[in-house]
Amino acid sequence: RILSEDHAPVVCIVDTTHPDELDSSAKPSKELVKIRQMQSRMEELSGLRCLVLHYMQLKRADLSKPNVRAVVVRAWKALRDEFHKNELYAMLRESDAPTIGFCGGHHQIYMAHGGKPGNLRPLRADEKDPNPGYFPGTFKEWGPTKIRILKRDPLFEGFGDEMVMVEMHVAECKELPAEFDLLASSDECKAQVIKHKSRLVYGTQFHPEVYDDRSPDGRRLIRNFLGLARRHTDARYRAHLAQVFGEGNADAVREAHGAIEDLRSGYANSGAETYGADSLRADLQRIERTLGLLDKAPTAAVASQRKQLDAIRAVCRWRAEMGRVKGLTDCAAMAE
């Protein structure tokens, strides 16, 4: 369920892989492994629950649920089901949720708005094919690639004029819809980053979700998008909580979700050995303060939030215990 009983904020990954490619009866397929890795990374970077939804499961109203903080569209091959493809395209045109598409997801976004795709140029005789089994004879962008930023945007916060992103594609946007601006290009592909002119909707030809220590720029770009999405949906989400839990309880529930989001994200992005006593103390104080706020809300309505905060508190105390063992006296009291 997208809208869960605790009305917690979520990130939705829309997958368009054909079910035949996802059969995991014997062992996980390569695509299923990629999906799970992407889900894990989105949860790490956002601190939110991340739901993977197949496009054939979705209804038009799903992506506009008030607790959907961001939508990420991934794709692999062309969509085979015409009815559900049209439904997905309608959702991409009508949803007000912050949305970004990576590679094939980027193609789905501009095609939903009337854009036209096509392949890159023919491979020259003196050029090596990085993947000869995939569209032989056609040039491909493959691996880390330099991307030039053409138009500044909050998505590029922290970047200079260029960034390096992982590419794995043979197709490109040949005709950009009038509703979109071109933000970035590469030497061989014009439409590397696009943005809707009036909605928080992006497409990237590259794969920012494929990052590592050698190619870390994708991580920064995704975090930038998730920050934009969070700010964009804050007011709507708060209004929804007020309607569900009552005006007097909305801020407590929102603070609980925010605390869970921040704490999960903070722990996911820091090692136990570098998370100091001051940070642990601040986190424990925030947890106790948030639990105090939740005491004023209906017990059943906030049971999930209390459970998550209790779990995070246990992690805090475990880290404090690790610090005490290492001789950090500031951690001793917090470990109790």
Protein backbone atom coordinates (compact mmCIF):
# COMPACT_ATOMS: atom_id res chain seq x y z
CA ARG A 1 0.00 0.00 0.00
CA ILE A 2 1.29 3.46 -0.93
CA LEU A 3 -0.75 5.20 1.77
CA SER A 4 0.03 3.11 4.85
CA GLU A 5 -1.77 3.15 8.19
CA ASP A 6 0.79 5.47 9.74
CA HIS A 7 0.70 7.78 6.67
CA ALA A 8 4.50 7.75 6.60
CA PRO A 9 6.20 9.54 3.71
CA VAL A 10 7.52 7.31 0.93
CA VAL A 11 9.62 7.35 -2.22
CA CYS A 12 8.13 5.34 -5.09
CA ILE A 13 10.24 3.57 -7.71
CA VAL A 14 8.21 2.82 -10.82
CA ASP A 15 9.61 -0.20 -12.62
CA THR A 16 8.73 -1.03 -16.22
CA THR A 17 10.62 -4.30 -16.63
CA HIS A 18 8.45 -7.01 -18.17
CA PRO A 19 7.40 -9.63 -15.57
CA ASP A 20 9.18 -12.36 -17.57
CA GLU A 21 12.49 -10.62 -16.82
CA LEU A 22 11.79 -10.57 -13.08
CA ASP A 23 11.12 -14.27 -12.52
CA SER A 24 12.99 -15.13 -9.33
CA SER A 25 11.64 -18.65 -8.84
CA ALA A 26 15.12 -20.18 -9.19
CA LYS A 27 17.43 -17.29 -8.38
CA PRO A 28 17.18 -13.50 -8.56
CA SER A 29 17.44 -12.17 -12.10
CA LYS A 30 19.99 -9.47 -12.93
CA GLU A 31 17.18 -6.94 -13.24
CA LEU A 32 15.75 -7.89 -9.85
CA VAL A 33 19.18 -7.45 -8.28
CA LYS A 34 19.44 -3.98 -9.86
CA ILE A 35 15.99 -3.04 -8.59
CA ARG A 36 16.81 -4.12 -5.05
CA GLN A 37 20.10 -2.22 -5.10
CA MET A 38 18.31 0.89 -6.33
CA GLN A 39 15.66 0.53 -3.63
CA SER A 40 18.37 0.22 -0.97
CA ARG A 41 20.20 3.28 -2.21
CA MET A 42 17.05 5.40 -2.35
CA GLU A 43 16.20 4.45 1.22
CA GLU A 44 19.75 5.25 2.30
CA LEU A 45 19.81 8.66 0.61
CA SER A 46 16.28 9.73 1.55
CA GLY A 47 15.89 8.09 4.95
CA LEU A 48 12.38 7.12 3.81
CA ARG A 49 10.59 3.89 3.10
CA CYS A 50 11.03 3.14 -0.61
CA LEU A 51 8.32 1.21 -2.47
CA VAL A 52 8.95 -0.56 -5.77
CA LEU A 53 5.81 -0.50 -7.91
CA HIS A 54 5.40 -2.18 -11.28
CA TYR A 55 3.76 0.08 -13.84
CA MET A 56 1.08 -2.56 -14.52
CA GLN A 57 0.00 -2.37 -10.84
CA LEU A 58 -0.53 1.39 -10.77
CA LYS A 59 -3.73 3.40 -10.97
CA ARG A 60 -3.77 7.02 -12.10
CA ALA A 61 -4.27 8.47 -8.63
CA ASP A 62 -1.50 6.44 -6.98
CA LEU A 63 1.43 8.75 -7.67
CA SER A 64 -0.55 11.74 -6.39
CA LYS A 65 -1.10 10.29 -2.91
CA PRO A 66 -0.27 12.98 -0.32
CA ASN A 67 2.48 10.95 1.36
CA VAL A 68 4.42 10.36 -1.88
CA ARG A 69 7.47 12.61 -1.51
CA ALA A 70 9.21 11.57 -4.74
CA VAL A 71 8.83 9.27 -7.75
CA VAL A 72 11.75 7.63 -9.55
CA VAL A 73 11.11 5.99 -12.93
CA ARG A 74 13.43 3.26 -14.12
CA ALA A 75 13.10 1.27 -17.32
CA TRP A 76 14.92 -1.35 -19.29
CA LYS A 77 13.23 -2.36 -22.52
CA ALA A 78 10.29 -0.94 -24.47
CA LEU A 79 6.94 -1.30 -22.71
CA ARG A 80 5.02 -4.25 -24.11
CA ASP A 81 1.57 -3.63 -22.65
CA GLU A 82 -0.10 -0.80 -24.57
CA PHE A 83 -2.97 -0.20 -22.13
CA HIS A 84 -0.74 0.06 -19.07
CA LYS A 85 1.82 2.10 -21.00
CA ASN A 86 -0.87 4.68 -21.77
CA GLU A 87 -1.93 4.68 -18.13
CA LEU A 88 1.67 5.25 -17.03
CA TYR A 89 2.08 8.07 -19.54
CA ALA A 90 -1.11 9.71 -18.25
CA MET A 91 0.24 9.48 -14.68
CA LEU A 92 3.54 11.06 -15.74
CA ARG A 93 1.64 13.95 -17.32
CA GLU A 94 -0.88 14.45 -14.52
CA SER A 95 0.91 13.63 -11.25
CA ASP A 96 2.06 16.55 -9.12
CA ALA A 97 4.64 14.42 -7.28
CA PRO A 98 8.31 15.38 -7.78
CA THR A 99 9.56 12.94 -10.40
CA ILE A 100 12.86 11.94 -11.96
CA GLY A 101 13.59 9.29 -14.59
CA PHE A 102 16.94 7.59 -15.14
CA CYS A 103 17.98 6.43 -18.63
CA GLY A 104 14.96 4.42 -19.84
CA GLY A 105 12.82 6.23 -17.26
CA HIS A 106 14.00 9.50 -18.81
CA HIS A 107 12.75 8.25 -22.17
CA GLN A 108 9.36 7.34 -20.70
CA ILE A 109 8.97 10.86 -19.28
CA TYR A 110 9.65 12.82 -22.46
CA MET A 111 7.76 10.30 -24.63
CA ALA A 112 4.74 10.68 -22.32
CA HIS A 113 4.77 14.37 -23.28
CA GLY A 114 5.14 13.78 -27.02
CA GLY A 115 8.93 13.67 -27.38
CA LYS A 116 10.61 11.48 -30.00
CA PRO A 117 13.44 8.96 -29.41
CA GLY A 118 16.08 7.61 -31.75
CA ASN A 119 19.49 5.94 -31.71
CA LEU A 120 22.85 7.64 -31.55
CA ARG A 121 25.03 7.88 -34.67
CA PRO A 122 26.59 4.91 -36.52
CA LEU A 123 29.84 3.58 -35.10
CA ARG A 124 32.90 4.73 -37.06
CA ALA A 125 35.35 2.17 -38.44
CA ASP A 126 38.11 3.24 -36.04
CA GLU A 127 35.90 3.10 -32.92
CA LYS A 128 35.70 0.15 -30.54
CA ASP A 129 32.24 -1.08 -29.59
CA PRO A 130 32.00 -1.31 -25.75
CA ASN A 131 29.08 -3.76 -25.99
CA PRO A 132 29.06 -5.44 -29.43
CA GLY A 133 26.14 -7.69 -28.56
CA TYR A 134 23.84 -4.70 -28.04
CA PHE A 135 22.84 -2.81 -31.21
CA PRO A 136 26.05 -3.69 -33.11
CA GLY A 137 27.28 -0.97 -35.42
CA THR A 138 25.71 1.86 -33.39
CA PHE A 139 27.69 4.25 -31.21
CA LYS A 140 27.04 3.89 -27.49
CA GLU A 141 27.88 5.96 -24.45
CA TRP A 142 29.15 3.40 -21.93
CA GLY A 143 30.77 3.93 -18.56
CA PRO A 144 31.80 7.18 -16.82
CA THR A 145 31.09 10.12 -19.14
CA LYS A 146 31.67 13.86 -18.83
CA ILE A 147 28.41 15.85 -18.72
CA ARG A 148 28.37 19.61 -19.40
CA ILE A 149 25.88 21.72 -17.45
CA LEU A 150 24.22 24.19 -19.83
CA LYS A 151 21.68 25.83 -17.52
CA ARG A 152 22.05 26.22 -13.77
CA ASP A 153 19.42 24.52 -11.64
CA PRO A 154 19.09 23.51 -7.96
CA LEU A 155 19.56 19.91 -9.13
CA PHE A 156 23.21 20.82 -9.79
CA GLU A 157 23.97 22.31 -6.37
CA GLY A 158 27.58 21.58 -5.46
CA PHE A 159 28.67 20.95 -9.05
CA GLY A 160 30.83 23.17 -11.22
CA ASP A 161 30.34 23.36 -14.98
CA GLU A 162 30.76 19.60 -15.43
CA MET A 163 30.01 16.30 -13.73
CA VAL A 164 30.86 12.68 -14.47
CA MET A 165 28.04 10.14 -14.67
CA VAL A 166 27.78 6.49 -15.65
CA GLU A 167 26.18 5.89 -19.07
CA MET A 168 24.80 2.70 -20.61
CA HIS A 169 22.71 3.63 -23.64
CA VAL A 170 22.31 3.62 -27.39
CA ALA A 171 19.12 5.73 -27.65
CA GLU A 172 18.59 9.44 -27.07
CA CYS A 173 15.88 12.07 -27.15
CA LYS A 174 15.79 13.36 -30.72
CA GLU A 175 12.87 15.77 -30.23
CA LEU A 176 12.39 17.44 -26.84
CA PRO A 177 8.79 18.35 -25.93
CA ALA A 178 8.02 22.07 -25.74
CA GLU A 179 7.19 21.72 -22.02
CA PHE A 180 10.81 20.83 -21.17
CA ASP A 181 14.08 22.73 -20.85
CA LEU A 182 17.47 21.27 -21.75
CA LEU A 183 19.83 21.47 -18.77
CA ALA A 184 22.89 19.37 -19.70
CA SER A 185 24.56 17.62 -22.64
CA SER A 186 27.54 15.41 -23.48
CA ASP A 187 29.75 15.37 -26.57
CA GLU A 188 27.63 12.67 -28.24
CA CYS A 189 24.18 13.12 -26.70
CA LYS A 190 22.39 16.46 -26.54
CA ALA A 191 19.62 15.67 -24.02
CA GLN A 192 21.47 14.43 -20.94
CA VAL A 193 19.31 16.27 -18.37
CA ILE A 194 15.87 17.75 -19.01
CA LYS A 195 13.37 19.51 -16.73
CA HIS A 196 9.69 20.32 -17.07
CA LYS A 197 9.14 24.08 -17.24
CA SER A 198 6.34 24.26 -14.66
CA ARG A 199 6.58 21.03 -12.61
CA LEU A 200 9.33 19.38 -10.58
CA VAL A 201 9.97 16.68 -13.20
CA TYR A 202 13.44 15.72 -14.43
CA GLY A 203 14.92 13.16 -16.77
CA THR A 204 18.57 12.05 -16.96
CA GLN A 205 19.96 10.03 -19.84
CA PHE A 206 22.68 8.71 -17.53
CA HIS A 207 22.40 6.43 -14.48
CA PRO A 208 23.05 8.53 -11.34
CA GLU A 209 22.01 5.54 -9.22
CA VAL A 210 25.16 3.72 -10.43
CA TYR A 211 27.78 5.44 -8.30
CA ASP A 212 30.84 4.42 -6.34
CA ASP A 213 33.97 6.02 -4.89
CA ARG A 214 35.43 6.48 -8.39
CA SER A 215 32.22 8.00 -9.82
CA PRO A 216 30.45 9.67 -6.86
CA ASP A 217 28.62 12.45 -8.70
CA GLY A 218 25.43 10.43 -9.10
CA ARG A 219 25.03 10.23 -5.34
CA ARG A 220 25.18 14.01 -5.00
CA LEU A 221 22.66 14.55 -7.81
CA ILE A 222 20.15 12.13 -6.29
CA ARG A 223 20.50 13.75 -2.86
CA ASN A 224 19.90 17.14 -4.47
CA PHE A 225 16.73 15.87 -6.14
CA LEU A 226 15.43 14.29 -2.93
CA GLY A 227 16.04 17.55 -1.06
CA LEU A 228 14.10 19.48 -3.70
CA ALA A 229 11.31 16.93 -3.55
CA ARG A 230 11.09 17.14 0.22
CA ARG A 231 10.81 20.93 0.24
CA HIS A 232 8.31 20.85 -2.62
CA THR A 233 5.93 18.47 -0.82
CA ASP A 234 6.28 19.68 2.79
CA ALA A 235 3.18 21.91 2.88
CA ARG A 236 0.93 19.38 1.17
CA TYR A 237 2.09 16.57 3.43
CA ARG A 238 1.58 18.64 6.58
CA ALA A 239 -1.97 19.53 5.48
CA HIS A 240 -2.70 15.86 4.91
CA LEU A 241 -1.52 14.91 8.40
CA ALA A 242 -3.70 17.65 9.91
CA GLN A 243 -6.71 16.26 8.08
CA VAL A 244 -6.03 12.68 9.20
CA PHE A 245 -4.75 13.13 12.77
CA GLY A 246 -6.26 16.51 13.63
CA GLU A 247 -4.62 19.92 13.60
CA GLY A 248 -3.38 19.52 17.16
CA ASN A 249 -1.54 16.27 16.41
CA ALA A 250 -0.24 16.98 12.91
CA ASP A 251 3.00 18.61 14.03
CA ALA A 252 3.81 15.76 16.43
CA VAL A 253 3.29 13.13 13.74
CA ARG A 254 5.23 15.21 11.21
CA GLU A 255 8.08 15.69 13.68
CA ALA A 256 8.14 11.95 14.28
CA HIS A 257 8.34 11.18 10.58
CA GLY A 258 10.98 13.90 10.14
CA ALA A 259 13.05 12.60 13.04
CA ILE A 260 12.89 9.06 11.70
CA GLU A 261 13.84 10.29 8.23
CA ASP A 262 16.79 12.36 9.46
CA LEU A 263 18.10 9.78 11.91
CA ARG A 264 17.88 6.87 9.47
CA SER A 265 19.61 8.91 6.78
CA GLY A 266 22.29 10.11 9.20
CA TYR A 267 23.14 6.61 10.39
CA ALA A 268 23.12 5.23 6.87
CA ASN A 269 25.67 7.80 5.79
CA SER A 270 28.12 7.65 8.71
CA GLY A 271 30.28 4.96 10.21
CA ALA A 272 29.99 3.95 13.85
CA GLU A 273 33.58 4.93 14.47
CA THR A 274 33.04 8.51 13.22
CA TYR A 275 29.69 9.21 14.86
CA GLY A 276 30.77 11.16 17.94
CA ALA A 277 29.36 11.62 21.42
CA ASP A 278 27.90 15.05 20.67
CA SER A 279 25.94 13.68 17.72
CA LEU A 280 24.66 10.73 19.75
CA ARG A 281 23.58 13.02 22.58
CA ALA A 282 21.71 15.29 20.17
CA ASP A 283 19.99 12.33 18.54
CA LEU A 284 18.91 10.81 21.85
CA GLN A 285 17.56 14.17 22.97
CA ARG A 286 15.60 14.50 19.73
CA ILE A 287 14.19 10.99 20.11
CA GLU A 288 13.03 11.66 23.69
CA ARG A 289 11.54 15.01 22.69
CA THR A 290 9.69 13.43 19.77
CA LEU A 291 8.37 10.57 21.89
CA GLY A 292 7.10 13.17 24.34
CA LEU A 293 5.17 14.87 21.55
CA LEU A 294 3.70 11.56 20.45
CA ASP A 295 2.40 10.95 23.99
CA LYS A 296 -0.23 13.60 23.24
CA ALA A 297 -1.45 11.88 20.06
CA PRO A 298 -3.81 8.86 19.85
CA THR A 299 -1.77 5.76 20.74
CA ALA A 300 -2.96 3.58 17.86
CA ALA A 301 -2.32 6.29 15.29
CA VAL A 302 1.35 6.69 16.22
CA ALA A 303 2.26 3.12 17.19
CA SER A 304 4.41 2.65 14.09
CA GLN A 305 6.33 5.88 14.67
CA ARG A 306 7.00 4.98 18.32
CA LYS A 307 8.28 1.55 17.29
CA GLN A 308 10.68 3.04 14.74
CA LEU A 309 11.97 5.64 17.20
CA ASP A 310 12.49 2.96 19.84
CA ALA A 311 14.56 0.98 17.33
CA ILE A 312 16.68 4.02 16.45
CA ARG A 313 17.17 4.76 20.16
CA ALA A 314 18.51 1.22 20.57
CA VAL A 315 21.01 1.87 17.77
CA CYS A 316 22.07 5.13 19.46
CA ARG A 317 22.72 3.32 22.71
CA TRP A 318 24.62 0.56 20.94
CA ARG A 319 26.87 3.17 19.34
CA ALA A 320 27.34 4.83 22.71
CA GLU A 321 28.33 1.45 24.16
CA MET A 322 30.90 1.04 21.39
CA GLY A 323 32.27 4.45 22.30
CA ARG A 324 32.40 3.55 26.01
CA VAL A 325 34.32 0.36 25.20
CA LYS A 326 36.83 2.49 23.31
CA GLY A 327 37.30 4.67 26.40
CA LEU A 328 35.12 7.63 25.39
CA THR A 329 33.78 8.60 28.82
CA ASP A 330 31.18 10.95 27.30
CA CYS A 331 29.43 7.89 25.89
CA ALA A 332 29.15 5.95 29.15
CA ALA A 333 25.98 7.59 30.49
CA MET A 334 24.26 7.45 27.11
CA ALA A 335 24.87 3.73 26.82
CA GLU A 336 22.75 3.02 29.90
